[in-house]
Protein backbone atom coordinates (compact mmCIF):
# COMPACT_ATOMS: atom_id res chain seq x y z
CA MET A 1 27.22 -10.83 -33.22
CA GLN A 2 23.80 -12.28 -34.10
CA PHE A 3 21.61 -14.10 -31.61
CA THR A 4 18.63 -14.85 -33.82
CA PRO A 5 16.90 -17.76 -32.12
CA ASP A 6 16.01 -21.07 -33.66
CA PHE A 7 12.65 -21.42 -31.91
CA THR A 8 12.46 -25.19 -32.15
CA SER A 9 15.92 -25.95 -30.78
CA ASP A 10 15.92 -23.09 -28.26
CA ARG A 11 12.53 -24.06 -26.86
CA GLN A 12 13.63 -27.70 -26.63
CA PHE A 13 16.85 -26.65 -24.90
CA LEU A 14 14.86 -24.68 -22.30
CA LEU A 15 12.43 -27.55 -21.79
CA ASP A 16 15.35 -29.93 -21.23
CA LEU A 17 16.98 -27.45 -18.83
CA PHE A 18 13.71 -27.11 -16.87
CA ALA A 19 13.41 -30.89 -16.68
CA GLN A 20 17.04 -31.24 -15.49
CA LEU A 21 17.32 -28.31 -13.09
CA ALA A 22 13.93 -26.92 -12.11
CA TYR A 23 11.44 -29.80 -11.88
CA ARG A 24 11.22 -31.74 -8.63
CA GLU A 25 8.84 -34.41 -7.40
CA GLY A 26 7.97 -34.87 -3.74
CA ASP A 27 5.67 -33.31 -1.20
CA PHE A 28 5.64 -29.51 -1.41
CA LEU A 29 3.64 -26.87 0.41
CA LEU A 30 2.93 -24.04 -2.03
CA SER A 31 2.60 -20.37 -1.04
CA SER A 32 -1.16 -20.73 -1.59
CA GLY A 33 -1.23 -23.28 1.24
CA VAL A 34 -2.04 -26.12 -1.17
CA ARG A 35 0.15 -29.22 -1.27
CA SER A 36 1.63 -30.44 -4.55
CA SER A 37 3.44 -33.58 -5.64
CA TYR A 38 5.73 -31.53 -7.90
CA TYR A 39 7.50 -28.17 -7.82
CA ILE A 40 9.14 -26.07 -10.52
CA ASN A 41 11.81 -23.61 -9.41
CA ALA A 42 12.24 -21.46 -12.54
CA LYS A 43 15.12 -19.53 -10.96
CA GLU A 44 17.31 -22.56 -11.58
CA VAL A 45 16.88 -21.89 -15.32
CA THR A 46 16.60 -18.10 -15.44
CA LEU A 47 19.86 -17.78 -13.47
CA HIS A 48 21.70 -20.47 -15.46
CA PRO A 49 24.16 -18.95 -18.00
CA GLN A 50 22.83 -20.78 -21.07
CA GLY A 51 19.25 -20.63 -19.79
CA SER A 52 19.47 -16.88 -19.35
CA LEU A 53 21.00 -16.37 -22.80
CA THR A 54 18.36 -18.53 -24.46
CA ILE A 55 15.51 -16.80 -22.62
CA GLY A 56 16.92 -13.41 -23.62
CA ARG A 57 17.18 -14.45 -27.28
CA LEU A 58 13.69 -15.88 -27.46
CA LEU A 59 11.99 -13.02 -25.66
CA LEU A 60 13.85 -10.29 -27.55
CA SER A 61 12.72 -11.86 -30.81
CA MET A 62 9.10 -11.38 -29.64
CA VAL A 63 9.51 -7.70 -28.71
CA PRO A 64 8.07 -5.44 -31.42
CA GLU A 65 10.45 -3.07 -33.21
CA GLY A 66 10.35 0.40 -31.72
CA THR A 67 9.88 -0.87 -28.16
CA GLN A 68 12.00 1.12 -25.74
CA GLY A 69 12.07 -1.11 -22.69
CA VAL A 70 11.07 -4.32 -20.99
CA ALA A 71 9.68 -4.65 -17.48
CA GLY A 72 8.81 -7.29 -14.96
CA LEU A 73 7.63 -7.71 -11.41
CA THR A 74 10.45 -8.14 -8.90
CA LEU A 75 11.82 -10.62 -7.78
CA GLY A 76 11.11 -13.38 -10.26
CA ALA A 77 11.38 -11.27 -13.40
CA ASP A 78 14.70 -9.63 -12.47
CA PRO A 79 16.95 -12.17 -14.24
CA ILE A 80 14.57 -12.33 -17.23
CA VAL A 81 14.57 -8.55 -17.69
CA ALA A 82 18.35 -8.54 -17.35
CA ALA A 83 18.72 -11.33 -19.95
CA VAL A 84 16.59 -9.47 -22.49
CA THR A 85 18.42 -6.17 -21.96
CA VAL A 86 21.86 -7.79 -22.32
CA VAL A 87 20.89 -9.63 -25.51
CA SER A 88 19.27 -6.42 -26.83
CA ALA A 89 22.59 -4.60 -26.39
CA MET A 90 24.45 -7.40 -28.18
CA GLU A 91 21.95 -7.16 -31.04
CA ASN A 92 22.43 -3.37 -31.27
CA ARG A 93 18.77 -2.99 -30.33
CA PRO A 94 19.17 -1.67 -26.78
CA LEU A 95 16.20 -1.82 -24.44
CA VAL A 96 15.95 -0.29 -21.00
CA GLY A 97 15.09 -2.71 -18.22
CA LEU A 98 12.52 -1.82 -15.58
CA ILE A 99 11.79 -3.70 -12.38
CA VAL A 100 8.33 -3.15 -10.92
CA ARG A 101 7.66 -3.41 -7.19
CA LYS A 102 4.29 -4.21 -5.65
CA GLN A 103 4.83 -1.36 -3.16
CA PRO A 104 7.27 1.56 -3.00
CA LYS A 105 10.43 1.00 -1.00
CA GLY A 106 10.42 2.52 2.46
CA HIS A 107 14.04 3.61 2.17
CA GLY A 108 16.49 5.23 -0.26
CA THR A 109 14.61 7.00 -3.04
CA SER A 110 11.37 5.17 -2.18
CA ALA A 111 11.23 4.03 -5.81
CA THR A 112 8.47 1.72 -7.01
């Protein structure tokens, strides 16, 4: 099964999905304390089935051959890392996914 992306159509698909699902206009208080007249909730796209697949295809195509894994900062990168690792397995180019924490957990294995 091949998932080679068509950059033009895949990028346009993601842009359309962001416009449909993630972009909102209104009055929003951002985590920085600044107010904004718009807000983009990327999770609406990264957790969408076709959005996730398209993100995985596009990002995997940018990963250099010989790479062993992909990583991202939790929590936002979790679905992106998962998408790339799943597509990498489907492409018979398996990558290990790593989730990076800002601080070690205070429980379990105390992993970072």
